[in-house]
Amino acid sequence: MEIPRKLGMLVFCGVPAIIGGGIVYALFGSYAPVAVYELLLITAAGGLVARA
């Protein structure tokens, strides 16, 4: 897979990180669950890019 497509996939995964991080913070009121959520997204995005 070429580099522009990999970067596009990472940008596509960045939108849920921003929006979802705000939702998780609003639900739990702490940054610890947000950090866990972000780590899960980073792992998933890294797996998608590494596999493709």
Protein backbone atom coordinates (compact mmCIF):
# COMPACT_ATOMS: atom_id res chain seq x y z
CA MET A 1 0.00 0.00 0.00
CA GLU A 2 1.35 3.42 -0.87
CA ILE A 3 2.15 6.09 1.70
CA PRO A 4 -0.69 8.55 0.85
CA ARG A 5 -3.27 5.84 1.44
CA LYS A 6 -1.70 4.91 4.79
CA LEU A 7 -1.72 8.57 5.85
CA GLY A 8 -5.35 8.84 4.77
CA MET A 9 -6.24 5.88 6.97
CA LEU A 10 -4.52 7.51 9.94
CA VAL A 11 -6.41 10.78 9.37
CA PHE A 12 -9.64 8.80 9.09
CA CYS A 13 -8.86 7.22 12.49
CA GLY A 14 -7.99 10.64 13.95
CA VAL A 15 -11.55 11.96 13.72
CA PRO A 16 -12.95 9.36 16.16
CA ALA A 17 -10.02 10.12 18.45
CA ILE A 18 -10.98 13.79 18.72
CA ILE A 19 -14.75 13.40 18.86
CA GLY A 20 -14.74 10.17 20.87
CA GLY A 21 -12.23 11.56 23.35
CA GLY A 22 -14.59 14.41 24.14
CA ILE A 23 -17.52 12.02 24.54
CA VAL A 24 -15.55 9.72 26.84
CA TYR A 25 -14.44 12.68 28.94
CA ALA A 26 -18.02 13.94 29.18
CA LEU A 27 -19.22 10.53 30.31
CA PHE A 28 -16.51 9.79 32.88
CA GLY A 29 -15.22 13.26 33.82
CA SER A 30 -11.61 12.10 33.95
CA TYR A 31 -8.69 11.86 31.57
CA ALA A 32 -7.76 8.28 32.54
CA PRO A 33 -10.58 6.67 30.49
CA VAL A 34 -9.75 9.04 27.64
CA ALA A 35 -6.14 7.81 27.68
CA VAL A 36 -7.32 4.19 27.55
CA TYR A 37 -9.67 5.02 24.67
CA GLU A 38 -6.90 6.80 22.77
CA LEU A 39 -4.48 3.89 23.30
CA LEU A 40 -7.05 1.46 21.91
CA LEU A 41 -7.53 3.66 18.84
CA ILE A 42 -3.78 4.02 18.31
CA THR A 43 -3.37 0.25 18.53
CA ALA A 44 -6.20 -0.36 16.05
CA ALA A 45 -4.92 2.27 13.60
CA GLY A 46 -1.37 0.93 13.86
CA GLY A 47 -2.62 -2.57 13.17
CA LEU A 48 -4.54 -1.41 10.12
CA VAL A 49 -1.60 0.48 8.69
CA ALA A 50 0.93 -2.26 9.46
CA ARG A 51 -1.28 -4.96 7.96
CA ALA A 52 -2.08 -3.09 4.78
